[in-house]
Amino acid sequence: MNFTATTSWYSGFAKSAAHFCGRPRTFALAVAVIGVWVITGPIFRFSDTWQLVINTSTTIITFLMVFLIQNTQNRDTAAIQIKLDELIRVTKGAHNVLLDLEELEEEALDSFRQKYLAIATSARKDLVGGTQDTGTPDT
């Protein structure tokens, strides 16, 4: 396995941009820009061009941020799934068939979901009845 932390230019950029944009100072800067835009309204007599500037700017920024956020979300989700798969793999008595569930079709996921819903419902009934809800229901 290769555990070096090399990243593509886009992945590195997306990570840095998402980190930068999530800071309180960046939010304050965005609020300040909106404030300046509102204050300049009377100067430009609330013209169509004045409105177009903010509409175009926010549309472009939002459009680009969607891709950056999706990239970081995909990477984070993949890392979490791998970590969960490893926990399942090393847990004695765990069902290895649950590895990589995110790749299954919706019908297969619904089948697993129904099975675990039944286990949870039974455990809740047992808990109300005074028994513990720990252990493995398969044994």
C-alpha atoms as a PDB file:
ATOM      1  CA  MET A   1       0.000   0.000   0.000  1.00  0.00           C
ATOM      2  CA  ASN A   2       1.140   3.506  -0.796  1.00  0.00           C
ATOM      3  CA  PHE A   3       0.563   5.842   2.147  1.00  0.00           C
ATOM      4  CA  THR A   4       2.294   8.940   0.807  1.00  0.00           C
ATOM      5  CA  ALA A   5       0.213  12.093   0.970  1.00  0.00           C
ATOM      6  CA  THR A   6       0.578  13.224  -2.618  1.00  0.00           C
ATOM      7  CA  THR A   7      -2.298  15.212  -4.066  1.00  0.00           C
ATOM      8  CA  SER A   8      -3.181  16.527  -7.486  1.00  0.00           C
ATOM      9  CA  TRP A   9      -3.085  20.264  -8.032  1.00  0.00           C
ATOM     10  CA  TYR A  10      -6.889  20.424  -8.111  1.00  0.00           C
ATOM     11  CA  SER A  11      -7.329  18.354  -4.983  1.00  0.00           C
ATOM     12  CA  GLY A  12      -4.831  20.509  -3.115  1.00  0.00           C
ATOM     13  CA  PHE A  13      -6.444  23.687  -4.420  1.00  0.00           C
ATOM     14  CA  ALA A  14      -9.948  22.490  -3.513  1.00  0.00           C
ATOM     15  CA  LYS A  15      -8.829  21.536  -0.022  1.00  0.00           C
ATOM     16  CA  SER A  16      -7.108  24.900   0.540  1.00  0.00           C
ATOM     17  CA  ALA A  17     -10.002  26.880  -0.929  1.00  0.00           C
ATOM     18  CA  ALA A  18     -12.579  25.029   1.177  1.00  0.00           C
ATOM     19  CA  HIS A  19     -10.452  25.604   4.291  1.00  0.00           C
ATOM     20  CA  PHE A  20     -10.062  29.305   3.464  1.00  0.00           C
ATOM     21  CA  CYS A  21     -13.749  29.826   2.623  1.00  0.00           C
ATOM     22  CA  GLY A  22     -14.876  28.142   5.839  1.00  0.00           C
ATOM     23  CA  ARG A  23     -13.148  30.677   8.056  1.00  0.00           C
ATOM     24  CA  PRO A  24     -15.057  33.361   9.970  1.00  0.00           C
ATOM     25  CA  ARG A  25     -12.879  36.083   8.410  1.00  0.00           C
ATOM     26  CA  THR A  26     -13.914  34.992   4.931  1.00  0.00           C
ATOM     27  CA  PHE A  27     -17.560  35.148   5.946  1.00  0.00           C
ATOM     28  CA  ALA A  28     -16.978  38.617   7.412  1.00  0.00           C
ATOM     29  CA  LEU A  29     -15.336  39.661   4.136  1.00  0.00           C
ATOM     30  CA  ALA A  30     -18.388  38.447   2.195  1.00  0.00           C
ATOM     31  CA  VAL A  31     -20.700  40.379   4.520  1.00  0.00           C
ATOM     32  CA  ALA A  32     -18.502  43.474   4.070  1.00  0.00           C
ATOM     33  CA  VAL A  33     -18.695  43.175   0.279  1.00  0.00           C
ATOM     34  CA  ILE A  34     -22.492  42.984   0.491  1.00  0.00           C
ATOM     35  CA  GLY A  35     -22.438  45.969   2.851  1.00  0.00           C
ATOM     36  CA  VAL A  36     -20.373  48.021   0.401  1.00  0.00           C
ATOM     37  CA  TRP A  37     -22.715  47.017  -2.406  1.00  0.00           C
ATOM     38  CA  VAL A  38     -25.765  48.110  -0.393  1.00  0.00           C
ATOM     39  CA  ILE A  39     -24.152  51.417   0.615  1.00  0.00           C
ATOM     40  CA  THR A  40     -23.253  52.201  -2.999  1.00  0.00           C
ATOM     41  CA  GLY A  41     -26.865  51.652  -4.098  1.00  0.00           C
ATOM     42  CA  PRO A  42     -27.887  55.299  -3.743  1.00  0.00           C
ATOM     43  CA  ILE A  43     -24.672  56.454  -5.438  1.00  0.00           C
ATOM     44  CA  PHE A  44     -25.512  54.402  -8.524  1.00  0.00           C
ATOM     45  CA  ARG A  45     -29.251  55.138  -8.153  1.00  0.00           C
ATOM     46  CA  PHE A  46     -29.968  51.423  -7.718  1.00  0.00           C
ATOM     47  CA  SER A  47     -29.377  50.958 -11.437  1.00  0.00           C
ATOM     48  CA  ASP A  48     -29.633  47.705 -13.355  1.00  0.00           C
ATOM     49  CA  THR A  49     -25.833  47.641 -13.660  1.00  0.00           C
ATOM     50  CA  TRP A  50     -25.496  48.030  -9.887  1.00  0.00           C
ATOM     51  CA  GLN A  51     -27.797  45.018  -9.385  1.00  0.00           C
ATOM     52  CA  LEU A  52     -26.123  43.046 -12.164  1.00  0.00           C
ATOM     53  CA  VAL A  53     -22.716  43.368 -10.481  1.00  0.00           C
ATOM     54  CA  ILE A  54     -23.804  41.567  -7.310  1.00  0.00           C
ATOM     55  CA  ASN A  55     -25.995  39.050  -9.122  1.00  0.00           C
ATOM     56  CA  THR A  56     -23.241  38.042 -11.533  1.00  0.00           C
ATOM     57  CA  SER A  57     -20.567  37.972  -8.832  1.00  0.00           C
ATOM     58  CA  THR A  58     -22.541  35.795  -6.455  1.00  0.00           C
ATOM     59  CA  THR A  59     -23.647  33.454  -9.244  1.00  0.00           C
ATOM     60  CA  ILE A  60     -20.078  32.871 -10.421  1.00  0.00           C
ATOM     61  CA  ILE A  61     -18.747  32.374  -6.888  1.00  0.00           C
ATOM     62  CA  THR A  62     -21.575  29.980  -6.016  1.00  0.00           C
ATOM     63  CA  PHE A  63     -21.082  28.013  -9.235  1.00  0.00           C
ATOM     64  CA  LEU A  64     -17.367  27.539  -8.559  1.00  0.00           C
ATOM     65  CA  MET A  65     -17.834  26.768  -4.866  1.00  0.00           C
ATOM     66  CA  VAL A  66     -20.210  23.903  -5.677  1.00  0.00           C
ATOM     67  CA  PHE A  67     -17.379  22.040  -7.413  1.00  0.00           C
ATOM     68  CA  LEU A  68     -14.865  22.761  -4.658  1.00  0.00           C
ATOM     69  CA  ILE A  69     -17.253  21.665  -1.936  1.00  0.00           C
ATOM     70  CA  GLN A  70     -18.231  18.522  -3.860  1.00  0.00           C
ATOM     71  CA  ASN A  71     -14.575  17.580  -4.300  1.00  0.00           C
ATOM     72  CA  THR A  72     -13.798  17.904  -0.609  1.00  0.00           C
ATOM     73  CA  GLN A  73     -17.043  16.127   0.327  1.00  0.00           C
ATOM     74  CA  ASN A  74     -16.252  13.210  -1.997  1.00  0.00           C
ATOM     75  CA  ARG A  75     -12.755  12.862  -0.547  1.00  0.00           C
ATOM     76  CA  ASP A  76     -14.002  13.049   3.050  1.00  0.00           C
ATOM     77  CA  THR A  77     -16.775  10.536   2.389  1.00  0.00           C
ATOM     78  CA  ALA A  78     -14.379   8.100   0.729  1.00  0.00           C
ATOM     79  CA  ALA A  79     -11.968   8.343   3.671  1.00  0.00           C
ATOM     80  CA  ILE A  80     -14.765   7.731   6.178  1.00  0.00           C
ATOM     81  CA  GLN A  81     -16.029   4.731   4.200  1.00  0.00           C
ATOM     82  CA  ILE A  82     -12.554   3.220   4.100  1.00  0.00           C
ATOM     83  CA  LYS A  83     -12.166   3.714   7.854  1.00  0.00           C
ATOM     84  CA  LEU A  84     -15.547   2.101   8.504  1.00  0.00           C
ATOM     85  CA  ASP A  85     -14.662  -0.795   6.199  1.00  0.00           C
ATOM     86  CA  GLU A  86     -11.460  -1.331   8.168  1.00  0.00           C
ATOM     87  CA  LEU A  87     -13.376  -1.358  11.464  1.00  0.00           C
ATOM     88  CA  ILE A  88     -15.770  -3.955  10.078  1.00  0.00           C
ATOM     89  CA  ARG A  89     -12.884  -5.999   8.694  1.00  0.00           C
ATOM     90  CA  VAL A  90     -11.034  -6.208  12.027  1.00  0.00           C
ATOM     91  CA  THR A  91     -14.062  -6.671  14.287  1.00  0.00           C
ATOM     92  CA  LYS A  92     -14.528 -10.265  15.351  1.00  0.00           C
ATOM     93  CA  GLY A  93     -17.997 -11.480  14.456  1.00  0.00           C
ATOM     94  CA  ALA A  94     -18.692  -8.618  12.054  1.00  0.00           C
ATOM     95  CA  HIS A  95     -20.315  -9.403   8.740  1.00  0.00           C
ATOM     96  CA  ASN A  96     -17.745  -8.793   6.004  1.00  0.00           C
ATOM     97  CA  VAL A  97     -20.574  -8.601   3.487  1.00  0.00           C
ATOM     98  CA  LEU A  98     -21.178  -5.096   4.875  1.00  0.00           C
ATOM     99  CA  LEU A  99     -17.862  -3.898   3.459  1.00  0.00           C
ATOM    100  CA  ASP A 100     -18.211  -1.410   0.610  1.00  0.00           C
ATOM    101  CA  LEU A 101     -22.003  -1.108   0.913  1.00  0.00           C
ATOM    102  CA  GLU A 102     -21.972   2.332  -0.700  1.00  0.00           C
ATOM    103  CA  GLU A 103     -21.312   0.653  -4.050  1.00  0.00           C
ATOM    104  CA  LEU A 104     -24.517  -1.412  -3.967  1.00  0.00           C
ATOM    105  CA  GLU A 105     -27.726  -0.534  -5.775  1.00  0.00           C
ATOM    106  CA  GLU A 106     -30.597   1.048  -3.855  1.00  0.00           C
ATOM    107  CA  GLU A 107     -32.621  -2.183  -3.697  1.00  0.00           C
ATOM    108  CA  ALA A 108     -29.764  -4.084  -2.022  1.00  0.00           C
ATOM    109  CA  LEU A 109     -29.254  -1.230   0.451  1.00  0.00           C
ATOM    110  CA  ASP A 110     -32.980  -1.240   1.255  1.00  0.00           C
ATOM    111  CA  SER A 111     -32.775  -4.963   1.985  1.00  0.00           C
ATOM    112  CA  PHE A 112     -29.908  -4.436   4.444  1.00  0.00           C
ATOM    113  CA  ARG A 113     -31.709  -1.443   5.952  1.00  0.00           C
ATOM    114  CA  GLN A 114     -34.857  -3.517   6.574  1.00  0.00           C
ATOM    115  CA  LYS A 115     -32.817  -6.253   8.253  1.00  0.00           C
ATOM    116  CA  TYR A 116     -31.150  -3.786  10.623  1.00  0.00           C
ATOM    117  CA  LEU A 117     -34.423  -1.940  11.221  1.00  0.00           C
ATOM    118  CA  ALA A 118     -35.927  -5.234  12.420  1.00  0.00           C
ATOM    119  CA  ILE A 119     -32.936  -5.839  14.714  1.00  0.00           C
ATOM    120  CA  ALA A 120     -33.222  -2.292  16.137  1.00  0.00           C
ATOM    121  CA  THR A 121     -36.976  -2.636  16.677  1.00  0.00           C
ATOM    122  CA  SER A 122     -36.490  -5.925  18.504  1.00  0.00           C
ATOM    123  CA  ALA A 123     -33.705  -4.443  20.648  1.00  0.00           C
ATOM    124  CA  ARG A 124     -35.903  -1.483  21.616  1.00  0.00           C
ATOM    125  CA  LYS A 125     -38.717  -3.830  22.641  1.00  0.00           C
ATOM    126  CA  ASP A 126     -36.252  -5.866  24.703  1.00  0.00           C
ATOM    127  CA  LEU A 127     -34.920  -2.706  26.342  1.00  0.00           C
ATOM    128  CA  VAL A 128     -38.427  -1.602  27.322  1.00  0.00           C
ATOM    129  CA  GLY A 129     -38.956  -5.113  28.694  1.00  0.00           C
ATOM    130  CA  GLY A 130     -35.961  -4.695  30.969  1.00  0.00           C
ATOM    131  CA  THR A 131     -33.321  -6.671  29.088  1.00  0.00           C
ATOM    132  CA  GLN A 132     -30.069  -5.244  27.813  1.00  0.00           C
ATOM    133  CA  ASP A 133     -29.695  -4.121  24.222  1.00  0.00           C
ATOM    134  CA  THR A 134     -26.019  -5.115  23.965  1.00  0.00           C
ATOM    135  CA  GLY A 135     -24.504  -8.142  22.343  1.00  0.00           C
ATOM    136  CA  THR A 136     -24.926  -9.665  18.945  1.00  0.00           C
ATOM    137  CA  PRO A 137     -28.440 -10.607  17.835  1.00  0.00           C
ATOM    138  CA  ASP A 138     -27.136 -13.315  15.488  1.00  0.00           C
ATOM    139  CA  THR A 139     -25.969 -15.569  18.309  1.00  0.00           C
END
